[in-house]
């Protein structure tokens, strides 16, 4: 973990713990709080919009969901997805989408 702060507050209940027991209580409480909180991965994402025909729906959905998550879907005479992918995978995603659709579909950043 980086740039992490843990604050432990002890309300005095009339019992003096002494330095050793007090520091141990603070440490154990902090460790317990960190373990209970768990870890969350934080990363930068890029938002895209893509329009395509119904015949390509399943293969494009599979690829988008492999690299990210669909935020919005619109269905009319065409299908439109607005989705997020990790910035680190942007170039790889572009290449796979171009290959999958034979460069017939253009991605636009939303």
PDB file of N, CA and C in Angstrom:
ATOM      1  N   UNK A   1       0.845  -1.173   0.000  1.00  0.00           N
ATOM      2  CA  UNK A   1       0.000   0.000   0.000  1.00  0.00           C
ATOM      3  C   UNK A   1       0.886   1.230   0.000  1.00  0.00           C
ATOM      4  N   UNK A   2       0.401   2.275  -0.662  1.00  0.00           N
ATOM      5  CA  UNK A   2       1.137   3.530  -0.748  1.00  0.00           C
ATOM      6  C   UNK A   2       0.242   4.661  -0.270  1.00  0.00           C
ATOM      7  N   UNK A   3       0.865   5.669   0.316  1.00  0.00           N
ATOM      8  CA  UNK A   3       0.135   6.875   0.748  1.00  0.00           C
ATOM      9  C   UNK A   3      -1.087   6.522   1.591  1.00  0.00           C
ATOM     10  N   UNK A   4      -0.870   5.743   2.615  1.00  0.00           N
ATOM     11  CA  UNK A   4      -1.956   5.267   3.462  1.00  0.00           C
ATOM     12  C   UNK A   4      -1.811   5.817   4.872  1.00  0.00           C
ATOM     13  N   UNK A   5      -2.924   6.227   5.448  1.00  0.00           N
ATOM     14  CA  UNK A   5      -2.938   6.724   6.816  1.00  0.00           C
ATOM     15  C   UNK A   5      -4.002   5.956   7.580  1.00  0.00           C
ATOM     16  N   UNK A   6      -3.675   5.531   8.778  1.00  0.00           N
ATOM     17  CA  UNK A   6      -4.632   4.871   9.660  1.00  0.00           C
ATOM     18  C   UNK A   6      -4.694   5.684  10.949  1.00  0.00           C
ATOM     19  N   UNK A   7      -5.905   6.021  11.351  1.00  0.00           N
ATOM     20  CA  UNK A   7      -6.092   6.785  12.584  1.00  0.00           C
ATOM     21  C   UNK A   7      -6.853   5.906  13.561  1.00  0.00           C
ATOM     22  N   UNK A   8      -6.291   5.706  14.733  1.00  0.00           N
ATOM     23  CA  UNK A   8      -6.933   4.919  15.778  1.00  0.00           C
ATOM     24  C   UNK A   8      -7.170   5.854  16.959  1.00  0.00           C
ATOM     25  N   UNK A   9      -8.396   5.892  17.424  1.00  0.00           N
ATOM     26  CA  UNK A   9      -8.745   6.730  18.567  1.00  0.00           C
ATOM     27  C   UNK A   9      -9.178   5.829  19.707  1.00  0.00           C
ATOM     28  N   UNK A  10      -8.614   6.072  20.882  1.00  0.00           N
ATOM     29  CA  UNK A  10      -8.993   5.287  22.057  1.00  0.00           C
ATOM     30  C   UNK A  10      -9.592   6.237  23.071  1.00  0.00           C
ATOM     31  N   UNK A  11     -10.792   5.936  23.478  1.00  0.00           N
ATOM     32  CA  UNK A  11     -11.428   6.721  24.527  1.00  0.00           C
ATOM     33  C   UNK A  11     -11.056   6.110  25.864  1.00  0.00           C
ATOM     34  N   UNK A  12     -10.578   6.923  26.747  1.00  0.00           N
ATOM     35  CA  UNK A  12     -10.125   6.445  28.047  1.00  0.00           C
ATOM     36  C   UNK A  12     -11.313   5.943  28.858  1.00  0.00           C
ATOM     37  N   UNK A  13     -11.181   4.690  29.282  1.00  0.00           N
ATOM     38  CA  UNK A  13     -12.262   4.070  30.047  1.00  0.00           C
ATOM     39  C   UNK A  13     -11.920   3.871  31.510  1.00  0.00           C
ATOM     40  N   UNK A  14     -10.880   4.546  31.964  1.00  0.00           N
ATOM     41  CA  UNK A  14     -10.531   4.444  33.367  1.00  0.00           C
ATOM     42  C   UNK A  14      -9.442   3.436  33.655  1.00  0.00           C
ATOM     43  N   UNK A  15      -9.023   2.677  32.624  1.00  0.00           N
ATOM     44  CA  UNK A  15      -7.968   1.669  32.827  1.00  0.00           C
ATOM     45  C   UNK A  15      -6.715   2.129  32.101  1.00  0.00           C
ATOM     46  N   UNK A  16      -5.625   2.252  32.840  1.00  0.00           N
ATOM     47  CA  UNK A  16      -4.353   2.621  32.233  1.00  0.00           C
ATOM     48  C   UNK A  16      -3.689   1.348  31.712  1.00  0.00           C
ATOM     49  N   UNK A  17      -3.363   1.367  30.414  1.00  0.00           N
ATOM     50  CA  UNK A  17      -2.781   0.174  29.794  1.00  0.00           C
ATOM     51  C   UNK A  17      -1.265   0.148  29.883  1.00  0.00           C
ATOM     52  N   UNK A  18      -0.640   1.268  30.022  1.00  0.00           N
ATOM     53  CA  UNK A  18       0.820   1.309  29.977  1.00  0.00           C
ATOM     54  C   UNK A  18       1.267   1.383  28.528  1.00  0.00           C
ATOM     55  N   UNK A  19       2.520   1.786  28.327  1.00  0.00           N
ATOM     56  CA  UNK A  19       3.011   2.018  26.968  1.00  0.00           C
ATOM     57  C   UNK A  19       2.943   0.767  26.099  1.00  0.00           C
ATOM     58  N   UNK A  20       3.434  -0.369  26.566  1.00  0.00           N
ATOM     59  CA  UNK A  20       3.486  -1.603  25.779  1.00  0.00           C
ATOM     60  C   UNK A  20       2.105  -2.074  25.343  1.00  0.00           C
ATOM     61  N   UNK A  21       1.189  -2.170  26.290  1.00  0.00           N
ATOM     62  CA  UNK A  21      -0.163  -2.644  25.974  1.00  0.00           C
ATOM     63  C   UNK A  21      -0.929  -1.635  25.120  1.00  0.00           C
ATOM     64  N   UNK A  22      -0.691  -0.350  25.364  1.00  0.00           N
ATOM     65  CA  UNK A  22      -1.368   0.692  24.585  1.00  0.00           C
ATOM     66  C   UNK A  22      -0.909   0.665  23.123  1.00  0.00           C
ATOM     67  N   UNK A  23       0.413   0.593  22.912  1.00  0.00           N
ATOM     68  CA  UNK A  23       0.921   0.558  21.537  1.00  0.00           C
ATOM     69  C   UNK A  23       0.487  -0.719  20.824  1.00  0.00           C
ATOM     70  N   UNK A  24       0.434  -1.838  21.540  1.00  0.00           N
ATOM     71  CA  UNK A  24      -0.029  -3.103  20.968  1.00  0.00           C
ATOM     72  C   UNK A  24      -1.513  -2.999  20.582  1.00  0.00           C
ATOM     73  N   UNK A  25      -2.323  -2.373  21.417  1.00  0.00           N
ATOM     74  CA  UNK A  25      -3.748  -2.190  21.118  1.00  0.00           C
ATOM     75  C   UNK A  25      -3.929  -1.324  19.865  1.00  0.00           C
ATOM     76  N   UNK A  26      -3.139  -0.238  19.759  1.00  0.00           N
ATOM     77  CA  UNK A  26      -3.208   0.610  18.564  1.00  0.00           C
ATOM     78  C   UNK A  26      -2.814  -0.172  17.314  1.00  0.00           C
ATOM     79  N   UNK A  27      -1.697  -0.910  17.412  1.00  0.00           N
ATOM     80  CA  UNK A  27      -1.206  -1.680  16.264  1.00  0.00           C
ATOM     81  C   UNK A  27      -2.212  -2.719  15.827  1.00  0.00           C
ATOM     82  N   UNK A  28      -2.742  -3.497  16.770  1.00  0.00           N
ATOM     83  CA  UNK A  28      -3.701  -4.549  16.433  1.00  0.00           C
ATOM     84  C   UNK A  28      -4.978  -3.971  15.830  1.00  0.00           C
ATOM     85  N   UNK A  29      -5.419  -2.833  16.335  1.00  0.00           N
ATOM     86  CA  UNK A  29      -6.603  -2.181  15.786  1.00  0.00           C
ATOM     87  C   UNK A  29      -6.351  -1.697  14.365  1.00  0.00           C
ATOM     88  N   UNK A  30      -5.183  -1.109  14.130  1.00  0.00           N
ATOM     89  CA  UNK A  30      -4.845  -0.630  12.788  1.00  0.00           C
ATOM     90  C   UNK A  30      -4.749  -1.787  11.801  1.00  0.00           C
ATOM     91  N   UNK A  31      -4.082  -2.860  12.175  1.00  0.00           N
ATOM     92  CA  UNK A  31      -3.952  -4.035  11.308  1.00  0.00           C
ATOM     93  C   UNK A  31      -5.330  -4.622  11.008  1.00  0.00           C
ATOM     94  N   UNK A  32      -6.169  -4.723  12.009  1.00  0.00           N
ATOM     95  CA  UNK A  32      -7.524  -5.250  11.826  1.00  0.00           C
ATOM     96  C   UNK A  32      -8.330  -4.377  10.869  1.00  0.00           C
ATOM     97  N   UNK A  33      -8.222  -3.059  11.008  1.00  0.00           N
ATOM     98  CA  UNK A  33      -8.948  -2.139  10.136  1.00  0.00           C
ATOM     99  C   UNK A  33      -8.494  -2.280   8.690  1.00  0.00           C
ATOM    100  N   UNK A  34      -7.186  -2.408   8.473  1.00  0.00           N
ATOM    101  CA  UNK A  34      -6.651  -2.569   7.114  1.00  0.00           C
ATOM    102  C   UNK A  34      -7.117  -3.885   6.511  1.00  0.00           C
ATOM    103  N   UNK A  35      -7.063  -4.958   7.278  1.00  0.00           N
ATOM    104  CA  UNK A  35      -7.510  -6.258   6.770  1.00  0.00           C
ATOM    105  C   UNK A  35      -8.998  -6.249   6.440  1.00  0.00           C
ATOM    106  N   UNK A  36      -9.809  -5.619   7.291  1.00  0.00           N
ATOM    107  CA  UNK A  36     -11.251  -5.557   7.062  1.00  0.00           C
ATOM    108  C   UNK A  36     -11.597  -4.688   5.858  1.00  0.00           C
ATOM    109  N   UNK A  37     -10.804  -3.636   5.630  1.00  0.00           N
ATOM    110  CA  UNK A  37     -11.089  -2.719   4.521  1.00  0.00           C
ATOM    111  C   UNK A  37     -10.805  -3.372   3.174  1.00  0.00           C
ATOM    112  N   UNK A  38      -9.786  -4.217   3.107  1.00  0.00           N
ATOM    113  CA  UNK A  38      -9.421  -4.827   1.835  1.00  0.00           C
ATOM    114  C   UNK A  38      -8.677  -3.845   0.950  1.00  0.00           C
ATOM    115  N   UNK A  39      -8.298  -4.314  -0.213  1.00  0.00           N
ATOM    116  CA  UNK A  39      -7.550  -3.495  -1.165  1.00  0.00           C
ATOM    117  C   UNK A  39      -8.417  -3.224  -2.388  1.00  0.00           C
ATOM    118  N   UNK A  40      -8.257  -2.050  -2.946  1.00  0.00           N
ATOM    119  CA  UNK A  40      -8.981  -1.664  -4.144  1.00  0.00           C
ATOM    120  C   UNK A  40      -7.964  -1.238  -5.188  1.00  0.00           C
ATOM    121  N   UNK A  41      -8.063  -1.805  -6.371  1.00  0.00           N
ATOM    122  CA  UNK A  41      -7.167  -1.425  -7.453  1.00  0.00           C
ATOM    123  C   UNK A  41      -7.688  -0.141  -8.082  1.00  0.00           C
ATOM    124  N   UNK A  42      -6.807   0.821  -8.240  1.00  0.00           N
ATOM    125  CA  UNK A  42      -7.166   2.092  -8.836  1.00  0.00           C
ATOM    126  C   UNK A  42      -6.389   2.232 -10.137  1.00  0.00           C
ATOM    127  N   UNK A  43      -7.089   2.567 -11.205  1.00  0.00           N
ATOM    128  CA  UNK A  43      -6.428   2.716 -12.492  1.00  0.00           C
ATOM    129  C   UNK A  43      -7.182   3.738 -13.331  1.00  0.00           C
ATOM    130  N   UNK A  44      -6.498   4.282 -14.308  1.00  0.00           N
ATOM    131  CA  UNK A  44      -7.095   5.271 -15.197  1.00  0.00           C
ATOM    132  C   UNK A  44      -7.859   4.559 -16.301  1.00  0.00           C
ATOM    133  N   UNK A  45      -9.037   5.080 -16.628  1.00  0.00           N
ATOM    134  CA  UNK A  45      -9.863   4.492 -17.675  1.00  0.00           C
ATOM    135  C   UNK A  45     -10.114   5.512 -18.786  1.00  0.00           C
ATOM    136  N   UNK A  46     -10.432   4.985 -19.963  1.00  0.00           N
ATOM    137  CA  UNK A  46     -10.750   5.806 -21.124  1.00  0.00           C
ATOM    138  C   UNK A  46     -12.158   5.446 -21.569  1.00  0.00           C
ATOM    139  N   UNK A  47     -12.976   6.463 -21.866  1.00  0.00           N
ATOM    140  CA  UNK A  47     -14.366   6.243 -22.292  1.00  0.00           C
ATOM    141  C   UNK A  47     -14.433   6.299 -23.825  1.00  0.00           C
ATOM    142  N   UNK A  48     -15.114   5.299 -24.402  1.00  0.00           N
ATOM    143  CA  UNK A  48     -15.292   5.222 -25.846  1.00  0.00           C
ATOM    144  C   UNK A  48     -16.764   5.092 -26.205  1.00  0.00           C
ATOM    145  N   UNK A  49     -17.043   5.429 -27.449  1.00  0.00           N
ATOM    146  CA  UNK A  49     -18.370   5.216 -28.022  1.00  0.00           C
ATOM    147  C   UNK A  49     -18.161   4.509 -29.363  1.00  0.00           C
ATOM    148  N   UNK A  50     -18.996   3.533 -29.632  1.00  0.00           N
ATOM    149  CA  UNK A  50     -18.894   2.793 -30.879  1.00  0.00           C
ATOM    150  C   UNK A  50     -20.300   2.520 -31.401  1.00  0.00           C
ATOM    151  N   UNK A  51     -20.471   2.637 -32.727  1.00  0.00           N
ATOM    152  CA  UNK A  51     -21.748   2.329 -33.385  1.00  0.00           C
ATOM    153  C   UNK A  51     -21.505   1.220 -34.399  1.00  0.00           C
ATOM    154  N   UNK A  52     -22.436   0.278 -34.466  1.00  0.00           N
ATOM    155  CA  UNK A  52     -22.258  -0.851 -35.368  1.00  0.00           C
ATOM    156  C   UNK A  52     -23.617  -1.490 -35.652  1.00  0.00           C
ATOM    157  N   UNK A  53     -23.636  -2.415 -36.609  1.00  0.00           N
ATOM    158  CA  UNK A  53     -24.857  -3.113 -36.979  1.00  0.00           C
ATOM    159  C   UNK A  53     -25.108  -4.329 -36.093  1.00  0.00           C
ATOM    160  N   UNK A  54     -26.348  -4.777 -36.122  1.00  0.00           N
ATOM    161  CA  UNK A  54     -26.742  -5.910 -35.274  1.00  0.00           C
ATOM    162  C   UNK A  54     -25.960  -7.201 -35.546  1.00  0.00           C
ATOM    163  N   UNK A  55     -25.548  -7.484 -36.788  1.00  0.00           N
ATOM    164  CA  UNK A  55     -24.797  -8.736 -37.008  1.00  0.00           C
ATOM    165  C   UNK A  55     -23.491  -8.830 -36.203  1.00  0.00           C
ATOM    166  N   UNK A  56     -22.916  -7.678 -35.848  1.00  0.00           N
ATOM    167  CA  UNK A  56     -21.649  -7.660 -35.105  1.00  0.00           C
ATOM    168  C   UNK A  56     -21.837  -7.590 -33.590  1.00  0.00           C
ATOM    169  N   UNK A  57     -23.063  -7.595 -33.114  1.00  0.00           N
ATOM    170  CA  UNK A  57     -23.354  -7.347 -31.705  1.00  0.00           C
ATOM    171  C   UNK A  57     -22.603  -8.278 -30.761  1.00  0.00           C
ATOM    172  N   UNK A  58     -22.714  -9.569 -30.932  1.00  0.00           N
ATOM    173  CA  UNK A  58     -22.131 -10.512 -29.974  1.00  0.00           C
ATOM    174  C   UNK A  58     -20.603 -10.462 -29.946  1.00  0.00           C
ATOM    175  N   UNK A  59     -19.980 -10.407 -31.113  1.00  0.00           N
ATOM    176  CA  UNK A  59     -18.509 -10.412 -31.121  1.00  0.00           C
ATOM    177  C   UNK A  59     -17.945  -9.105 -30.559  1.00  0.00           C
ATOM    178  N   UNK A  60     -18.605  -7.974 -30.811  1.00  0.00           N
ATOM    179  CA  UNK A  60     -18.137  -6.710 -30.262  1.00  0.00           C
ATOM    180  C   UNK A  60     -18.394  -6.660 -28.759  1.00  0.00           C
ATOM    181  N   UNK A  61     -19.549  -7.137 -28.323  1.00  0.00           N
ATOM    182  CA  UNK A  61     -19.842  -7.176 -26.886  1.00  0.00           C
ATOM    183  C   UNK A  61     -18.786  -8.006 -26.148  1.00  0.00           C
ATOM    184  N   UNK A  62     -18.445  -9.182 -26.695  1.00  0.00           N
ATOM    185  CA  UNK A  62     -17.440 -10.045 -26.054  1.00  0.00           C
ATOM    186  C   UNK A  62     -16.102  -9.330 -25.915  1.00  0.00           C
ATOM    187  N   UNK A  63     -15.672  -8.650 -26.977  1.00  0.00           N
ATOM    188  CA  UNK A  63     -14.378  -7.973 -26.939  1.00  0.00           C
ATOM    189  C   UNK A  63     -14.396  -6.806 -25.946  1.00  0.00           C
ATOM    190  N   UNK A  64     -15.454  -6.017 -25.977  1.00  0.00           N
ATOM    191  CA  UNK A  64     -15.550  -4.886 -25.053  1.00  0.00           C
ATOM    192  C   UNK A  64     -15.548  -5.380 -23.613  1.00  0.00           C
ATOM    193  N   UNK A  65     -16.312  -6.419 -23.321  1.00  0.00           N
ATOM    194  CA  UNK A  65     -16.379  -6.927 -21.945  1.00  0.00           C
ATOM    195  C   UNK A  65     -15.091  -7.614 -21.520  1.00  0.00           C
ATOM    196  N   UNK A  66     -14.301  -8.086 -22.467  1.00  0.00           N
ATOM    197  CA  UNK A  66     -12.989  -8.659 -22.151  1.00  0.00           C
ATOM    198  C   UNK A  66     -12.031  -7.581 -21.654  1.00  0.00           C
ATOM    199  N   UNK A  67     -12.154  -6.373 -22.204  1.00  0.00           N
ATOM    200  CA  UNK A  67     -11.234  -5.292 -21.871  1.00  0.00           C
ATOM    201  C   UNK A  67     -11.800  -4.251 -20.912  1.00  0.00           C
ATOM    202  N   UNK A  68     -13.101  -4.234 -20.719  1.00  0.00           N
ATOM    203  CA  UNK A  68     -13.669  -3.195 -19.877  1.00  0.00           C
ATOM    204  C   UNK A  68     -15.106  -3.487 -19.513  1.00  0.00           C
ATOM    205  N   UNK A  69     -15.889  -2.414 -19.392  1.00  0.00           N
ATOM    206  CA  UNK A  69     -17.296  -2.590 -19.035  1.00  0.00           C
ATOM    207  C   UNK A  69     -18.160  -1.601 -19.801  1.00  0.00           C
ATOM    208  N   UNK A  70     -19.302  -2.076 -20.218  1.00  0.00           N
ATOM    209  CA  UNK A  70     -20.244  -1.259 -20.963  1.00  0.00           C
ATOM    210  C   UNK A  70     -21.033  -0.419 -19.975  1.00  0.00           C
ATOM    211  N   UNK A  71     -21.055   0.877 -20.194  1.00  0.00           N
ATOM    212  CA  UNK A  71     -21.774   1.803 -19.326  1.00  0.00           C
ATOM    213  C   UNK A  71     -23.180   2.080 -19.848  1.00  0.00           C
ATOM    214  N   UNK A  72     -23.321   2.128 -21.182  1.00  0.00           N
ATOM    215  CA  UNK A  72     -24.605   2.482 -21.764  1.00  0.00           C
ATOM    216  C   UNK A  72     -24.765   1.764 -23.098  1.00  0.00           C
ATOM    217  N   UNK A  73     -25.979   1.299 -23.362  1.00  0.00           N
ATOM    218  CA  UNK A  73     -26.306   0.636 -24.622  1.00  0.00           C
ATOM    219  C   UNK A  73     -27.528   1.307 -25.215  1.00  0.00           C
ATOM    220  N   UNK A  74     -27.487   1.579 -26.527  1.00  0.00           N
ATOM    221  CA  UNK A  74     -28.629   2.154 -27.233  1.00  0.00           C
ATOM    222  C   UNK A  74     -28.910   1.301 -28.462  1.00  0.00           C
ATOM    223  N   UNK A  75     -30.175   0.988 -28.651  1.00  0.00           N
ATOM    224  CA  UNK A  75     -30.582   0.162 -29.773  1.00  0.00           C
ATOM    225  C   UNK A  75     -31.586   0.924 -30.633  1.00  0.00           C
ATOM    226  N   UNK A  76     -31.277   1.074 -31.909  1.00  0.00           N
ATOM    227  CA  UNK A  76     -32.190   1.668 -32.879  1.00  0.00           C
ATOM    228  C   UNK A  76     -31.934   0.930 -34.193  1.00  0.00           C
ATOM    229  N   UNK A  77     -31.737   1.644 -35.295  1.00  0.00           N
ATOM    230  CA  UNK A  77     -31.368   0.954 -36.532  1.00  0.00           C
ATOM    231  C   UNK A  77     -29.945   0.426 -36.450  1.00  0.00           C
ATOM    232  N   UNK A  78     -29.152   0.969 -35.501  1.00  0.00           N
ATOM    233  CA  UNK A  78     -27.814   0.462 -35.195  1.00  0.00           C
ATOM    234  C   UNK A  78     -27.698   0.279 -33.687  1.00  0.00           C
ATOM    235  N   UNK A  79     -26.597  -0.287 -33.265  1.00  0.00           N
ATOM    236  CA  UNK A  79     -26.319  -0.462 -31.834  1.00  0.00           C
ATOM    237  C   UNK A  79     -25.212   0.516 -31.464  1.00  0.00           C
ATOM    238  N   UNK A  80     -25.339   1.130 -30.297  1.00  0.00           N
ATOM    239  CA  UNK A  80     -24.303   2.042 -29.808  1.00  0.00           C
ATOM    240  C   UNK A  80     -23.934   1.647 -28.390  1.00  0.00           C
ATOM    241  N   UNK A  81     -22.644   1.467 -28.161  1.00  0.00           N
ATOM    242  CA  UNK A  81     -22.132   1.189 -26.828  1.00  0.00           C
ATOM    243  C   UNK A  81     -21.293   2.381 -26.381  1.00  0.00           C
ATOM    244  N   UNK A  82     -21.449   2.745 -25.134  1.00  0.00           N
ATOM    245  CA  UNK A  82     -20.509   3.656 -24.487  1.00  0.00           C
ATOM    246  C   UNK A  82     -19.861   2.825 -23.387  1.00  0.00           C
ATOM    247  N   UNK A  83     -18.539   2.768 -23.375  1.00  0.00           N
ATOM    248  CA  UNK A  83     -17.858   1.857 -22.463  1.00  0.00           C
ATOM    249  C   UNK A  83     -16.540   2.421 -21.986  1.00  0.00           C
ATOM    250  N   UNK A  84     -16.024   1.806 -20.914  1.00  0.00           N
ATOM    251  CA  UNK A  84     -14.748   2.195 -20.316  1.00  0.00           C
ATOM    252  C   UNK A  84     -13.773   1.029 -20.414  1.00  0.00           C
ATOM    253  N   UNK A  85     -12.526   1.343 -20.739  1.00  0.00           N
ATOM    254  CA  UNK A  85     -11.465   0.343 -20.687  1.00  0.00           C
ATOM    255  C   UNK A  85     -10.275   0.963 -19.962  1.00  0.00           C
ATOM    256  N   UNK A  86      -9.404   0.107 -19.434  1.00  0.00           N
ATOM    257  CA  UNK A  86      -8.206   0.594 -18.772  1.00  0.00           C
ATOM    258  C   UNK A  86      -7.302   1.270 -19.801  1.00  0.00           C
ATOM    259  N   UNK A  87      -6.763   2.403 -19.417  1.00  0.00           N
ATOM    260  CA  UNK A  87      -5.899   3.168 -20.314  1.00  0.00           C
ATOM    261  C   UNK A  87      -4.705   2.336 -20.782  1.00  0.00           C
ATOM    262  N   UNK A  88      -4.188   1.474 -19.941  1.00  0.00           N
ATOM    263  CA  UNK A  88      -3.035   0.641 -20.295  1.00  0.00           C
ATOM    264  C   UNK A  88      -3.325  -0.303 -21.458  1.00  0.00           C
ATOM    265  N   UNK A  89      -4.593  -0.639 -21.669  1.00  0.00           N
ATOM    266  CA  UNK A  89      -4.966  -1.590 -22.707  1.00  0.00           C
ATOM    267  C   UNK A  89      -5.552  -0.920 -23.948  1.00  0.00           C
ATOM    268  N   UNK A  90      -5.510   0.393 -24.007  1.00  0.00           N
ATOM    269  CA  UNK A  90      -6.152   1.143 -25.092  1.00  0.00           C
ATOM    270  C   UNK A  90      -5.611   0.740 -26.468  1.00  0.00           C
ATOM    271  N   UNK A  91      -4.307   0.717 -26.636  1.00  0.00           N
ATOM    272  CA  UNK A  91      -3.714   0.396 -27.934  1.00  0.00           C
ATOM    273  C   UNK A  91      -4.018  -1.045 -28.349  1.00  0.00           C
ATOM    274  N   UNK A  92      -3.857  -1.966 -27.417  1.00  0.00           N
ATOM    275  CA  UNK A  92      -4.148  -3.380 -27.698  1.00  0.00           C
ATOM    276  C   UNK A  92      -5.612  -3.561 -28.083  1.00  0.00           C
ATOM    277  N   UNK A  93      -6.505  -2.863 -27.384  1.00  0.00           N
ATOM    278  CA  UNK A  93      -7.930  -2.946 -27.690  1.00  0.00           C
ATOM    279  C   UNK A  93      -8.209  -2.430 -29.107  1.00  0.00           C
ATOM    280  N   UNK A  94      -7.616  -1.291 -29.465  1.00  0.00           N
ATOM    281  CA  UNK A  94      -7.791  -0.735 -30.810  1.00  0.00           C
ATOM    282  C   UNK A  94      -7.388  -1.745 -31.876  1.00  0.00           C
ATOM    283  N   UNK A  95      -6.241  -2.374 -31.671  1.00  0.00           N
ATOM    284  CA  UNK A  95      -5.745  -3.351 -32.642  1.00  0.00           C
ATOM    285  C   UNK A  95      -6.704  -4.527 -32.794  1.00  0.00           C
ATOM    286  N   UNK A  96      -7.177  -5.047 -31.673  1.00  0.00           N
ATOM    287  CA  UNK A  96      -8.093  -6.197 -31.735  1.00  0.00           C
ATOM    288  C   UNK A  96      -9.433  -5.802 -32.355  1.00  0.00           C
ATOM    289  N   UNK A  97      -9.928  -4.609 -32.041  1.00  0.00           N
ATOM    290  CA  UNK A  97     -11.190  -4.158 -32.616  1.00  0.00           C
ATOM    291  C   UNK A  97     -11.055  -3.963 -34.127  1.00  0.00           C
ATOM    292  N   UNK A  98      -9.942  -3.400 -34.570  1.00  0.00           N
ATOM    293  CA  UNK A  98      -9.705  -3.208 -36.002  1.00  0.00           C
ATOM    294  C   UNK A  98      -9.657  -4.547 -36.719  1.00  0.00           C
ATOM    295  N   UNK A  99      -8.988  -5.522 -36.116  1.00  0.00           N
ATOM    296  CA  UNK A  99      -8.891  -6.854 -36.713  1.00  0.00           C
ATOM    297  C   UNK A  99     -10.258  -7.548 -36.726  1.00  0.00           C
ATOM    298  N   UNK A 100     -10.978  -7.433 -35.638  1.00  0.00           N
ATOM    299  CA  UNK A 100     -12.285  -8.088 -35.511  1.00  0.00           C
ATOM    300  C   UNK A 100     -13.290  -7.536 -36.518  1.00  0.00           C
ATOM    301  N   UNK A 101     -13.263  -6.228 -36.739  1.00  0.00           N
ATOM    302  CA  UNK A 101     -14.256  -5.591 -37.610  1.00  0.00           C
ATOM    303  C   UNK A 101     -13.694  -5.258 -38.990  1.00  0.00           C
ATOM    304  N   UNK A 102     -12.491  -5.690 -39.272  1.00  0.00           N
ATOM    305  CA  UNK A 102     -11.813  -5.427 -40.549  1.00  0.00           C
ATOM    306  C   UNK A 102     -11.765  -3.927 -40.860  1.00  0.00           C
ATOM    307  N   UNK A 103     -11.507  -3.142 -39.841  1.00  0.00           N
ATOM    308  CA  UNK A 103     -11.380  -1.673 -39.921  1.00  0.00           C
ATOM    309  C   UNK A 103     -12.638  -0.970 -40.435  1.00  0.00           C
ATOM    310  N   UNK A 104     -13.785  -1.604 -40.326  1.00  0.00           N
ATOM    311  CA  UNK A 104     -15.026  -0.998 -40.809  1.00  0.00           C
ATOM    312  C   UNK A 104     -15.707  -0.137 -39.749  1.00  0.00           C
ATOM    313  N   UNK A 105     -15.314  -0.299 -38.504  1.00  0.00           N
ATOM    314  CA  UNK A 105     -15.960   0.423 -37.415  1.00  0.00           C
ATOM    315  C   UNK A 105     -14.929   1.322 -36.753  1.00  0.00           C
ATOM    316  N   UNK A 106     -15.325   2.558 -36.510  1.00  0.00           N
ATOM    317  CA  UNK A 106     -14.422   3.499 -35.864  1.00  0.00           C
ATOM    318  C   UNK A 106     -14.842   3.724 -34.431  1.00  0.00           C
ATOM    319  N   UNK A 107     -13.845   3.743 -33.574  1.00  0.00           N
ATOM    320  CA  UNK A 107     -14.061   4.091 -32.176  1.00  0.00           C
ATOM    321  C   UNK A 107     -13.902   5.584 -32.014  1.00  0.00           C
ATOM    322  N   UNK A 108     -14.696   6.180 -31.177  1.00  0.00           N
ATOM    323  CA  UNK A 108     -14.496   7.580 -30.851  1.00  0.00           C
ATOM    324  C   UNK A 108     -14.444   7.720 -29.340  1.00  0.00           C
ATOM    325  N   UNK A 109     -13.562   8.581 -28.884  1.00  0.00           N
ATOM    326  CA  UNK A 109     -13.493   8.832 -27.449  1.00  0.00           C
ATOM    327  C   UNK A 109     -14.712   9.669 -27.053  1.00  0.00           C
ATOM    328  N   UNK A 110     -15.348   9.247 -25.985  1.00  0.00           N
ATOM    329  CA  UNK A 110     -16.567   9.942 -25.549  1.00  0.00           C
ATOM    330  C   UNK A 110     -16.238  10.980 -24.513  1.00  0.00           C
TER     331      UNK A 110
END
